[in-house]
Amino acid sequence: MEKLDYSVYEEIVKEAPASVIFCSKKGCHVCQGIHPLLDELEEEVQDKGINFYHLDVEEQPMLFQTLRGRGVPQILYYKYGEEAERMVGEYSYEEYADKLAEVF
């Protein structure tokens, strides 16, 4: 999962047909449990042109604010630079996969 910073957001996410942004912070145990699930999901859909990004909210607080972040963990689904869906909190792998299929 590629790290997300402001330049990647401006250059890629705002133009890409499909992007998933995982917002977390190092001290969040729930976030640490979700990260492997999203890595697995990214691998499963790698041939579908969906870009996955990781945003560390402590390293990029201004970007998190730009994305209207409301806590972690948070998963943002973007279509052509527009937010299509948002999941806040902990969910199962199946719930993340179902939401991905629903949005894209």
PDB file of N, CA and C in Angstrom:
ATOM      1  N   MET A   1       0.856  -1.166   0.000  1.00  0.00           N
ATOM      2  CA  MET A   1       0.000   0.000   0.000  1.00  0.00           C
ATOM      3  C   MET A   1       0.909   1.239   0.000  1.00  0.00           C
ATOM      4  N   GLU A   2       0.737   2.072  -0.984  1.00  0.00           N
ATOM      5  CA  GLU A   2       1.564   3.263  -1.132  1.00  0.00           C
ATOM      6  C   GLU A   2       1.198   4.308  -0.074  1.00  0.00           C
ATOM      7  N   LYS A   3       2.225   4.996   0.439  1.00  0.00           N
ATOM      8  CA  LYS A   3       1.982   6.082   1.405  1.00  0.00           C
ATOM      9  C   LYS A   3       1.364   7.268   0.671  1.00  0.00           C
ATOM     10  N   LEU A   4       0.392   7.867   1.309  1.00  0.00           N
ATOM     11  CA  LEU A   4      -0.281   9.019   0.724  1.00  0.00           C
ATOM     12  C   LEU A   4       0.238  10.294   1.358  1.00  0.00           C
ATOM     13  N   ASP A   5       0.641  11.225   0.503  1.00  0.00           N
ATOM     14  CA  ASP A   5       0.982  12.560   0.955  1.00  0.00           C
ATOM     15  C   ASP A   5       0.251  13.540   0.041  1.00  0.00           C
ATOM     16  N   TYR A   6       0.441  14.809   0.284  1.00  0.00           N
ATOM     17  CA  TYR A   6      -0.316  15.816  -0.457  1.00  0.00           C
ATOM     18  C   TYR A   6      -0.040  15.769  -1.957  1.00  0.00           C
ATOM     19  N   SER A   7       1.210  15.534  -2.340  1.00  0.00           N
ATOM     20  CA  SER A   7       1.532  15.517  -3.773  1.00  0.00           C
ATOM     21  C   SER A   7       0.870  14.332  -4.473  1.00  0.00           C
ATOM     22  N   VAL A   8       0.883  13.163  -3.851  1.00  0.00           N
ATOM     23  CA  VAL A   8       0.216  11.993  -4.441  1.00  0.00           C
ATOM     24  C   VAL A   8      -1.282  12.248  -4.530  1.00  0.00           C
ATOM     25  N   TYR A   9      -1.842  12.839  -3.485  1.00  0.00           N
ATOM     26  CA  TYR A   9      -3.271  13.145  -3.488  1.00  0.00           C
ATOM     27  C   TYR A   9      -3.615  14.088  -4.647  1.00  0.00           C
ATOM     28  N   GLU A  10      -2.854  15.146  -4.796  1.00  0.00           N
ATOM     29  CA  GLU A  10      -3.121  16.142  -5.840  1.00  0.00           C
ATOM     30  C   GLU A  10      -2.904  15.579  -7.245  1.00  0.00           C
ATOM     31  N   GLU A  11      -1.841  14.794  -7.423  1.00  0.00           N
ATOM     32  CA  GLU A  11      -1.464  14.318  -8.752  1.00  0.00           C
ATOM     33  C   GLU A  11      -2.203  13.063  -9.190  1.00  0.00           C
ATOM     34  N   ILE A  12      -2.515  12.177  -8.246  1.00  0.00           N
ATOM     35  CA  ILE A  12      -3.059  10.865  -8.627  1.00  0.00           C
ATOM     36  C   ILE A  12      -4.495  10.670  -8.174  1.00  0.00           C
ATOM     37  N   VAL A  13      -4.732  10.782  -6.882  1.00  0.00           N
ATOM     38  CA  VAL A  13      -6.052  10.452  -6.338  1.00  0.00           C
ATOM     39  C   VAL A  13      -7.139  11.331  -6.942  1.00  0.00           C
ATOM     40  N   LYS A  14      -6.847  12.598  -7.149  1.00  0.00           N
ATOM     41  CA  LYS A  14      -7.859  13.512  -7.679  1.00  0.00           C
ATOM     42  C   LYS A  14      -8.234  13.199  -9.125  1.00  0.00           C
ATOM     43  N   GLU A  15      -7.439  12.373  -9.799  1.00  0.00           N
ATOM     44  CA  GLU A  15      -7.700  12.035 -11.198  1.00  0.00           C
ATOM     45  C   GLU A  15      -8.022  10.560 -11.413  1.00  0.00           C
ATOM     46  N   ALA A  16      -7.640   9.709 -10.496  1.00  0.00           N
ATOM     47  CA  ALA A  16      -7.762   8.255 -10.682  1.00  0.00           C
ATOM     48  C   ALA A  16      -9.217   7.801 -10.687  1.00  0.00           C
ATOM     49  N   PRO A  17      -9.516   6.798 -11.510  1.00  0.00           N
ATOM     50  CA  PRO A  17     -10.885   6.276 -11.545  1.00  0.00           C
ATOM     51  C   PRO A  17     -11.314   5.608 -10.239  1.00  0.00           C
ATOM     52  N   ALA A  18     -10.370   5.005  -9.520  1.00  0.00           N
ATOM     53  CA  ALA A  18     -10.734   4.274  -8.304  1.00  0.00           C
ATOM     54  C   ALA A  18      -9.577   4.291  -7.308  1.00  0.00           C
ATOM     55  N   SER A  19      -9.827   4.812  -6.111  1.00  0.00           N
ATOM     56  CA  SER A  19      -8.803   4.866  -5.064  1.00  0.00           C
ATOM     57  C   SER A  19      -9.425   4.542  -3.713  1.00  0.00           C
ATOM     58  N   VAL A  20      -8.649   3.855  -2.897  1.00  0.00           N
ATOM     59  CA  VAL A  20      -9.034   3.554  -1.521  1.00  0.00           C
ATOM     60  C   VAL A  20      -7.953   4.150  -0.629  1.00  0.00           C
ATOM     61  N   ILE A  21      -8.367   4.942   0.347  1.00  0.00           N
ATOM     62  CA  ILE A  21      -7.430   5.577   1.275  1.00  0.00           C
ATOM     63  C   ILE A  21      -7.701   5.052   2.680  1.00  0.00           C
ATOM     64  N   PHE A  22      -6.680   4.444   3.261  1.00  0.00           N
ATOM     65  CA  PHE A  22      -6.757   3.925   4.623  1.00  0.00           C
ATOM     66  C   PHE A  22      -6.085   4.934   5.550  1.00  0.00           C
ATOM     67  N   CYS A  23      -6.856   5.554   6.425  1.00  0.00           N
ATOM     68  CA  CYS A  23      -6.350   6.551   7.377  1.00  0.00           C
ATOM     69  C   CYS A  23      -6.143   5.888   8.733  1.00  0.00           C
ATOM     70  N   SER A  24      -4.934   6.014   9.265  1.00  0.00           N
ATOM     71  CA  SER A  24      -4.629   5.412  10.557  1.00  0.00           C
ATOM     72  C   SER A  24      -3.519   6.198  11.244  1.00  0.00           C
ATOM     73  N   LYS A  25      -3.184   5.748  12.445  1.00  0.00           N
ATOM     74  CA  LYS A  25      -2.022   6.291  13.152  1.00  0.00           C
ATOM     75  C   LYS A  25      -1.327   5.149  13.871  1.00  0.00           C
ATOM     76  N   LYS A  26      -0.072   5.368  14.155  1.00  0.00           N
ATOM     77  CA  LYS A  26       0.773   4.299  14.700  1.00  0.00           C
ATOM     78  C   LYS A  26       0.260   3.717  16.012  1.00  0.00           C
ATOM     79  N   GLY A  27      -0.269   4.519  16.897  1.00  0.00           N
ATOM     80  CA  GLY A  27      -0.701   4.043  18.201  1.00  0.00           C
ATOM     81  C   GLY A  27      -2.084   3.411  18.226  1.00  0.00           C
ATOM     82  N   CYS A  28      -2.715   3.262  17.086  1.00  0.00           N
ATOM     83  CA  CYS A  28      -4.074   2.714  17.006  1.00  0.00           C
ATOM     84  C   CYS A  28      -4.012   1.203  16.788  1.00  0.00           C
ATOM     85  N   HIS A  29      -4.377   0.442  17.821  1.00  0.00           N
ATOM     86  CA  HIS A  29      -4.322  -1.020  17.721  1.00  0.00           C
ATOM     87  C   HIS A  29      -5.351  -1.561  16.746  1.00  0.00           C
ATOM     88  N   VAL A  30      -6.504  -0.950  16.685  1.00  0.00           N
ATOM     89  CA  VAL A  30      -7.530  -1.371  15.724  1.00  0.00           C
ATOM     90  C   VAL A  30      -6.999  -1.172  14.306  1.00  0.00           C
ATOM     91  N   CYS A  31      -6.350  -0.036  14.067  1.00  0.00           N
ATOM     92  CA  CYS A  31      -5.773   0.255  12.745  1.00  0.00           C
ATOM     93  C   CYS A  31      -4.754  -0.802  12.352  1.00  0.00           C
ATOM     94  N   GLN A  32      -3.926  -1.203  13.312  1.00  0.00           N
ATOM     95  CA  GLN A  32      -2.902  -2.211  13.034  1.00  0.00           C
ATOM     96  C   GLN A  32      -3.527  -3.543  12.652  1.00  0.00           C
ATOM     97  N   GLY A  33      -4.701  -3.841  13.182  1.00  0.00           N
ATOM     98  CA  GLY A  33      -5.392  -5.076  12.821  1.00  0.00           C
ATOM     99  C   GLY A  33      -6.048  -5.006  11.450  1.00  0.00           C
ATOM    100  N   ILE A  34      -6.457  -3.820  11.039  1.00  0.00           N
ATOM    101  CA  ILE A  34      -7.123  -3.639   9.751  1.00  0.00           C
ATOM    102  C   ILE A  34      -6.135  -3.629   8.590  1.00  0.00           C
ATOM    103  N   HIS A  35      -4.946  -3.118   8.831  1.00  0.00           N
ATOM    104  CA  HIS A  35      -3.964  -2.957   7.754  1.00  0.00           C
ATOM    105  C   HIS A  35      -3.738  -4.255   6.969  1.00  0.00           C
ATOM    106  N   PRO A  36      -3.515  -5.411   7.629  1.00  0.00           N
ATOM    107  CA  PRO A  36      -3.322  -6.644   6.871  1.00  0.00           C
ATOM    108  C   PRO A  36      -4.556  -7.045   6.043  1.00  0.00           C
ATOM    109  N   LEU A  37      -5.746  -6.752   6.545  1.00  0.00           N
ATOM    110  CA  LEU A  37      -6.964  -7.065   5.793  1.00  0.00           C
ATOM    111  C   LEU A  37      -7.009  -6.270   4.489  1.00  0.00           C
ATOM    112  N   LEU A  38      -6.649  -4.991   4.578  1.00  0.00           N
ATOM    113  CA  LEU A  38      -6.662  -4.145   3.388  1.00  0.00           C
ATOM    114  C   LEU A  38      -5.532  -4.515   2.430  1.00  0.00           C
ATOM    115  N   ASP A  39      -4.383  -4.948   2.964  1.00  0.00           N
ATOM    116  CA  ASP A  39      -3.306  -5.434   2.094  1.00  0.00           C
ATOM    117  C   ASP A  39      -3.779  -6.653   1.307  1.00  0.00           C
ATOM    118  N   GLU A  40      -4.492  -7.549   1.981  1.00  0.00           N
ATOM    119  CA  GLU A  40      -5.028  -8.744   1.332  1.00  0.00           C
ATOM    120  C   GLU A  40      -6.053  -8.364   0.267  1.00  0.00           C
ATOM    121  N   LEU A  41      -6.917  -7.430   0.593  1.00  0.00           N
ATOM    122  CA  LEU A  41      -7.930  -6.972  -0.364  1.00  0.00           C
ATOM    123  C   LEU A  41      -7.275  -6.309  -1.569  1.00  0.00           C
ATOM    124  N   GLU A  42      -6.254  -5.513  -1.325  1.00  0.00           N
ATOM    125  CA  GLU A  42      -5.525  -4.866  -2.423  1.00  0.00           C
ATOM    126  C   GLU A  42      -4.953  -5.913  -3.367  1.00  0.00           C
ATOM    127  N   GLU A  43      -4.363  -6.961  -2.814  1.00  0.00           N
ATOM    128  CA  GLU A  43      -3.792  -8.029  -3.631  1.00  0.00           C
ATOM    129  C   GLU A  43      -4.873  -8.746  -4.434  1.00  0.00           C
ATOM    130  N   GLU A  44      -6.019  -8.958  -3.807  1.00  0.00           N
ATOM    131  CA  GLU A  44      -7.118  -9.659  -4.464  1.00  0.00           C
ATOM    132  C   GLU A  44      -7.665  -8.898  -5.677  1.00  0.00           C
ATOM    133  N   VAL A  45      -7.667  -7.582  -5.616  1.00  0.00           N
ATOM    134  CA  VAL A  45      -8.258  -6.773  -6.691  1.00  0.00           C
ATOM    135  C   VAL A  45      -7.210  -6.047  -7.537  1.00  0.00           C
ATOM    136  N   GLN A  46      -5.958  -6.465  -7.458  1.00  0.00           N
ATOM    137  CA  GLN A  46      -4.877  -5.754  -8.133  1.00  0.00           C
ATOM    138  C   GLN A  46      -5.075  -5.635  -9.639  1.00  0.00           C
ATOM    139  N   ASP A  47      -5.818  -6.512 -10.245  1.00  0.00           N
ATOM    140  CA  ASP A  47      -6.045  -6.465 -11.696  1.00  0.00           C
ATOM    141  C   ASP A  47      -7.244  -5.589 -12.083  1.00  0.00           C
ATOM    142  N   LYS A  48      -7.869  -4.924 -11.114  1.00  0.00           N
ATOM    143  CA  LYS A  48      -9.062  -4.117 -11.394  1.00  0.00           C
ATOM    144  C   LYS A  48      -8.780  -2.616 -11.465  1.00  0.00           C
ATOM    145  N   GLY A  49      -7.519  -2.220 -11.341  1.00  0.00           N
ATOM    146  CA  GLY A  49      -7.176  -0.815 -11.466  1.00  0.00           C
ATOM    147  C   GLY A  49      -7.569   0.058 -10.287  1.00  0.00           C
ATOM    148  N   ILE A  50      -7.683  -0.552  -9.120  1.00  0.00           N
ATOM    149  CA  ILE A  50      -8.026   0.208  -7.908  1.00  0.00           C
ATOM    150  C   ILE A  50      -6.736   0.496  -7.154  1.00  0.00           C
ATOM    151  N   ASN A  51      -6.470   1.772  -6.904  1.00  0.00           N
ATOM    152  CA  ASN A  51      -5.265   2.184  -6.183  1.00  0.00           C
ATOM    153  C   ASN A  51      -5.539   2.229  -4.686  1.00  0.00           C
ATOM    154  N   PHE A  52      -4.635   1.669  -3.896  1.00  0.00           N
ATOM    155  CA  PHE A  52      -4.744   1.679  -2.437  1.00  0.00           C
ATOM    156  C   PHE A  52      -3.649   2.562  -1.865  1.00  0.00           C
ATOM    157  N   TYR A  53      -4.019   3.398  -0.892  1.00  0.00           N
ATOM    158  CA  TYR A  53      -3.080   4.314  -0.252  1.00  0.00           C
ATOM    159  C   TYR A  53      -3.238   4.263   1.249  1.00  0.00           C
ATOM    160  N   HIS A  54      -2.135   4.497   1.952  1.00  0.00           N
ATOM    161  CA  HIS A  54      -2.150   4.580   3.409  1.00  0.00           C
ATOM    162  C   HIS A  54      -1.810   6.004   3.817  1.00  0.00           C
ATOM    163  N   LEU A  55      -2.651   6.598   4.634  1.00  0.00           N
ATOM    164  CA  LEU A  55      -2.429   7.943   5.154  1.00  0.00           C
ATOM    165  C   LEU A  55      -2.207   7.854   6.660  1.00  0.00           C
ATOM    166  N   ASP A  56      -0.989   8.166   7.097  1.00  0.00           N
ATOM    167  CA  ASP A  56      -0.705   8.267   8.522  1.00  0.00           C
ATOM    168  C   ASP A  56      -1.131   9.665   8.951  1.00  0.00           C
ATOM    169  N   VAL A  57      -2.176   9.743   9.743  1.00  0.00           N
ATOM    170  CA  VAL A  57      -2.766  11.043  10.093  1.00  0.00           C
ATOM    171  C   VAL A  57      -1.844  11.891  10.968  1.00  0.00           C
ATOM    172  N   GLU A  58      -0.893  11.261  11.647  1.00  0.00           N
ATOM    173  CA  GLU A  58       0.061  12.024  12.457  1.00  0.00           C
ATOM    174  C   GLU A  58       1.156  12.636  11.581  1.00  0.00           C
ATOM    175  N   GLU A  59       1.505  11.966  10.485  1.00  0.00           N
ATOM    176  CA  GLU A  59       2.517  12.489   9.573  1.00  0.00           C
ATOM    177  C   GLU A  59       1.929  13.512   8.603  1.00  0.00           C
ATOM    178  N   GLN A  60       0.652  13.384   8.302  1.00  0.00           N
ATOM    179  CA  GLN A  60      -0.003  14.257   7.319  1.00  0.00           C
ATOM    180  C   GLN A  60      -1.305  14.846   7.881  1.00  0.00           C
ATOM    181  N   PRO A  61      -1.244  15.590   8.981  1.00  0.00           N
ATOM    182  CA  PRO A  61      -2.477  16.088   9.607  1.00  0.00           C
ATOM    183  C   PRO A  61      -3.268  17.057   8.719  1.00  0.00           C
ATOM    184  N   MET A  62      -2.596  17.855   7.924  1.00  0.00           N
ATOM    185  CA  MET A  62      -3.308  18.812   7.068  1.00  0.00           C
ATOM    186  C   MET A  62      -4.083  18.086   5.965  1.00  0.00           C
ATOM    187  N   LEU A  63      -3.493  17.033   5.415  1.00  0.00           N
ATOM    188  CA  LEU A  63      -4.195  16.253   4.398  1.00  0.00           C
ATOM    189  C   LEU A  63      -5.402  15.556   5.019  1.00  0.00           C
ATOM    190  N   PHE A  64      -5.232  15.012   6.211  1.00  0.00           N
ATOM    191  CA  PHE A  64      -6.350  14.373   6.907  1.00  0.00           C
ATOM    192  C   PHE A  64      -7.475  15.374   7.126  1.00  0.00           C
ATOM    193  N   GLN A  65      -7.130  16.579   7.480  1.00  0.00           N
ATOM    194  CA  GLN A  65      -8.126  17.637   7.664  1.00  0.00           C
ATOM    195  C   GLN A  65      -8.795  17.975   6.331  1.00  0.00           C
ATOM    196  N   THR A  66      -8.021  18.031   5.257  1.00  0.00           N
ATOM    197  CA  THR A  66      -8.563  18.294   3.921  1.00  0.00           C
ATOM    198  C   THR A  66      -9.588  17.233   3.539  1.00  0.00           C
ATOM    199  N   LEU A  67      -9.316  15.995   3.944  1.00  0.00           N
ATOM    200  CA  LEU A  67     -10.222  14.879   3.637  1.00  0.00           C
ATOM    201  C   LEU A  67     -11.391  14.800   4.621  1.00  0.00           C
ATOM    202  N   ARG A  68     -11.490  15.772   5.508  1.00  0.00           N
ATOM    203  CA  ARG A  68     -12.542  15.831   6.523  1.00  0.00           C
ATOM    204  C   ARG A  68     -12.520  14.599   7.430  1.00  0.00           C
ATOM    205  N   GLY A  69     -11.316  14.223   7.827  1.00  0.00           N
ATOM    206  CA  GLY A  69     -11.146  13.070   8.700  1.00  0.00           C
ATOM    207  C   GLY A  69     -11.810  13.269  10.040  1.00  0.00           C
ATOM    208  N   ARG A  70     -12.390  12.192  10.546  1.00  0.00           N
ATOM    209  CA  ARG A  70     -13.124  12.245  11.811  1.00  0.00           C
ATOM    210  C   ARG A  70     -12.690  11.156  12.773  1.00  0.00           C
ATOM    211  N   GLY A  71     -11.469  10.785  12.744  1.00  0.00           N
ATOM    212  CA  GLY A  71     -10.997   9.706  13.615  1.00  0.00           C
ATOM    213  C   GLY A  71     -10.461   8.551  12.803  1.00  0.00           C
ATOM    214  N   VAL A  72      -9.823   7.639  13.490  1.00  0.00           N
ATOM    215  CA  VAL A  72      -9.246   6.467  12.843  1.00  0.00           C
ATOM    216  C   VAL A  72      -9.706   5.216  13.572  1.00  0.00           C
ATOM    217  N   PRO A  73      -9.743   4.116  12.863  1.00  0.00           N
ATOM    218  CA  PRO A  73      -9.449   3.919  11.451  1.00  0.00           C
ATOM    219  C   PRO A  73     -10.578   4.449  10.575  1.00  0.00           C
ATOM    220  N   GLN A  74     -10.185   4.808   9.377  1.00  0.00           N
ATOM    221  CA  GLN A  74     -11.154   5.332   8.426  1.00  0.00           C
ATOM    222  C   GLN A  74     -10.727   4.919   7.019  1.00  0.00           C
ATOM    223  N   ILE A  75     -11.684   4.440   6.250  1.00  0.00           N
ATOM    224  CA  ILE A  75     -11.426   4.034   4.871  1.00  0.00           C
ATOM    225  C   ILE A  75     -12.258   4.938   3.967  1.00  0.00           C
ATOM    226  N   LEU A  76     -11.591   5.585   3.016  1.00  0.00           N
ATOM    227  CA  LEU A  76     -12.260   6.474   2.068  1.00  0.00           C
ATOM    228  C   LEU A  76     -12.191   5.851   0.682  1.00  0.00           C
ATOM    229  N   TYR A  77     -13.308   5.834  -0.004  1.00  0.00           N
ATOM    230  CA  TYR A  77     -13.390   5.297  -1.364  1.00  0.00           C
ATOM    231  C   TYR A  77     -13.606   6.480  -2.309  1.00  0.00           C
ATOM    232  N   TYR A  78     -12.702   6.645  -3.257  1.00  0.00           N
ATOM    233  CA  TYR A  78     -12.761   7.768  -4.192  1.00  0.00           C
ATOM    234  C   TYR A  78     -12.950   7.280  -5.619  1.00  0.00           C
ATOM    235  N   LYS A  79     -13.842   7.962  -6.336  1.00  0.00           N
ATOM    236  CA  LYS A  79     -14.042   7.716  -7.765  1.00  0.00           C
ATOM    237  C   LYS A  79     -13.771   9.026  -8.500  1.00  0.00           C
ATOM    238  N   TYR A  80     -12.770   8.997  -9.363  1.00  0.00           N
ATOM    239  CA  TYR A  80     -12.387  10.180 -10.147  1.00  0.00           C
ATOM    240  C   TYR A  80     -12.246  11.421  -9.273  1.00  0.00           C
ATOM    241  N   GLY A  81     -11.566  11.261  -8.141  1.00  0.00           N
ATOM    242  CA  GLY A  81     -11.266  12.392  -7.282  1.00  0.00           C
ATOM    243  C   GLY A  81     -12.370  12.825  -6.342  1.00  0.00           C
ATOM    244  N   GLU A  82     -13.507  12.174  -6.397  1.00  0.00           N
ATOM    245  CA  GLU A  82     -14.634  12.519  -5.526  1.00  0.00           C
ATOM    246  C   GLU A  82     -14.880  11.396  -4.524  1.00  0.00           C
ATOM    247  N   GLU A  83     -15.118  11.773  -3.288  1.00  0.00           N
ATOM    248  CA  GLU A  83     -15.417  10.759  -2.286  1.00  0.00           C
ATOM    249  C   GLU A  83     -16.746  10.099  -2.610  1.00  0.00           C
ATOM    250  N   ALA A  84     -16.721   8.769  -2.690  1.00  0.00           N
ATOM    251  CA  ALA A  84     -17.924   8.004  -2.994  1.00  0.00           C
ATOM    252  C   ALA A  84     -18.503   7.339  -1.746  1.00  0.00           C
ATOM    253  N   GLU A  85     -17.638   7.027  -0.795  1.00  0.00           N
ATOM    254  CA  GLU A  85     -18.082   6.325   0.410  1.00  0.00           C
ATOM    255  C   GLU A  85     -17.010   6.471   1.480  1.00  0.00           C
ATOM    256  N   ARG A  86     -17.428   6.262   2.727  1.00  0.00           N
ATOM    257  CA  ARG A  86     -16.518   6.370   3.875  1.00  0.00           C
ATOM    258  C   ARG A  86     -16.939   5.334   4.909  1.00  0.00           C
ATOM    259  N   MET A  87     -15.971   4.614   5.440  1.00  0.00           N
ATOM    260  CA  MET A  87     -16.218   3.666   6.525  1.00  0.00           C
ATOM    261  C   MET A  87     -15.341   4.075   7.709  1.00  0.00           C
ATOM    262  N   VAL A  88     -15.946   4.260   8.860  1.00  0.00           N
ATOM    263  CA  VAL A  88     -15.210   4.641  10.053  1.00  0.00           C
ATOM    264  C   VAL A  88     -15.361   3.523  11.073  1.00  0.00           C
ATOM    265  N   GLY A  89     -14.247   3.078  11.623  1.00  0.00           N
ATOM    266  CA  GLY A  89     -14.283   2.018  12.617  1.00  0.00           C
ATOM    267  C   GLY A  89     -13.795   0.702  12.061  1.00  0.00           C
ATOM    268  N   GLU A  90     -13.996  -0.330  12.837  1.00  0.00           N
ATOM    269  CA  GLU A  90     -13.503  -1.663  12.500  1.00  0.00           C
ATOM    270  C   GLU A  90     -14.605  -2.497  11.851  1.00  0.00           C
ATOM    271  N   TYR A  91     -14.253  -3.139  10.737  1.00  0.00           N
ATOM    272  CA  TYR A  91     -15.168  -4.018  10.018  1.00  0.00           C
ATOM    273  C   TYR A  91     -14.437  -5.300   9.656  1.00  0.00           C
ATOM    274  N   SER A  92     -15.164  -6.283   9.181  1.00  0.00           N
ATOM    275  CA  SER A  92     -14.556  -7.542   8.758  1.00  0.00           C
ATOM    276  C   SER A  92     -14.027  -7.415   7.327  1.00  0.00           C
ATOM    277  N   TYR A  93     -13.199  -8.362   6.952  1.00  0.00           N
ATOM    278  CA  TYR A  93     -12.681  -8.398   5.580  1.00  0.00           C
ATOM    279  C   TYR A  93     -13.834  -8.415   4.577  1.00  0.00           C
ATOM    280  N   GLU A  94     -14.847  -9.218   4.849  1.00  0.00           N
ATOM    281  CA  GLU A  94     -15.997  -9.337   3.955  1.00  0.00           C
ATOM    282  C   GLU A  94     -16.723  -8.002   3.800  1.00  0.00           C
ATOM    283  N   GLU A  95     -16.858  -7.264   4.883  1.00  0.00           N
ATOM    284  CA  GLU A  95     -17.532  -5.959   4.807  1.00  0.00           C
ATOM    285  C   GLU A  95     -16.733  -4.965   3.961  1.00  0.00           C
ATOM    286  N   TYR A  96     -15.398  -4.984   4.100  1.00  0.00           N
ATOM    287  CA  TYR A  96     -14.573  -4.110   3.252  1.00  0.00           C
ATOM    288  C   TYR A  96     -14.683  -4.528   1.785  1.00  0.00           C
ATOM    289  N   ALA A  97     -14.641  -5.829   1.530  1.00  0.00           N
ATOM    290  CA  ALA A  97     -14.734  -6.336   0.160  1.00  0.00           C
ATOM    291  C   ALA A  97     -16.102  -6.021  -0.446  1.00  0.00           C
ATOM    292  N   ASP A  98     -17.153  -6.174   0.326  1.00  0.00           N
ATOM    293  CA  ASP A  98     -18.499  -5.866  -0.162  1.00  0.00           C
ATOM    294  C   ASP A  98     -18.637  -4.381  -0.503  1.00  0.00           C
ATOM    295  N   LYS A  99     -18.097  -3.523   0.355  1.00  0.00           N
ATOM    296  CA  LYS A  99     -18.174  -2.081   0.095  1.00  0.00           C
ATOM    297  C   LYS A  99     -17.376  -1.722  -1.159  1.00  0.00           C
ATOM    298  N   LEU A 100     -16.231  -2.347  -1.329  1.00  0.00           N
ATOM    299  CA  LEU A 100     -15.401  -2.107  -2.514  1.00  0.00           C
ATOM    300  C   LEU A 100     -16.168  -2.498  -3.772  1.00  0.00           C
ATOM    301  N   ALA A 101     -16.819  -3.655  -3.750  1.00  0.00           N
ATOM    302  CA  ALA A 101     -17.606  -4.108  -4.897  1.00  0.00           C
ATOM    303  C   ALA A 101     -18.795  -3.179  -5.152  1.00  0.00           C
ATOM    304  N   GLU A 102     -19.406  -2.702  -4.096  1.00  0.00           N
ATOM    305  CA  GLU A 102     -20.550  -1.797  -4.219  1.00  0.00           C
ATOM    306  C   GLU A 102     -20.141  -0.459  -4.847  1.00  0.00           C
ATOM    307  N   VAL A 103     -19.019   0.083  -4.419  1.00  0.00           N
ATOM    308  CA  VAL A 103     -18.582   1.394  -4.881  1.00  0.00           C
ATOM    309  C   VAL A 103     -17.983   1.333  -6.282  1.00  0.00           C
ATOM    310  N   PHE A 104     -17.195   0.288  -6.553  1.00  0.00           N
ATOM    311  CA  PHE A 104     -16.506   0.216  -7.843  1.00  0.00           C
ATOM    312  C   PHE A 104     -17.074  -0.882  -8.726  1.00  0.00           C
TER     313      PHE A 104
END
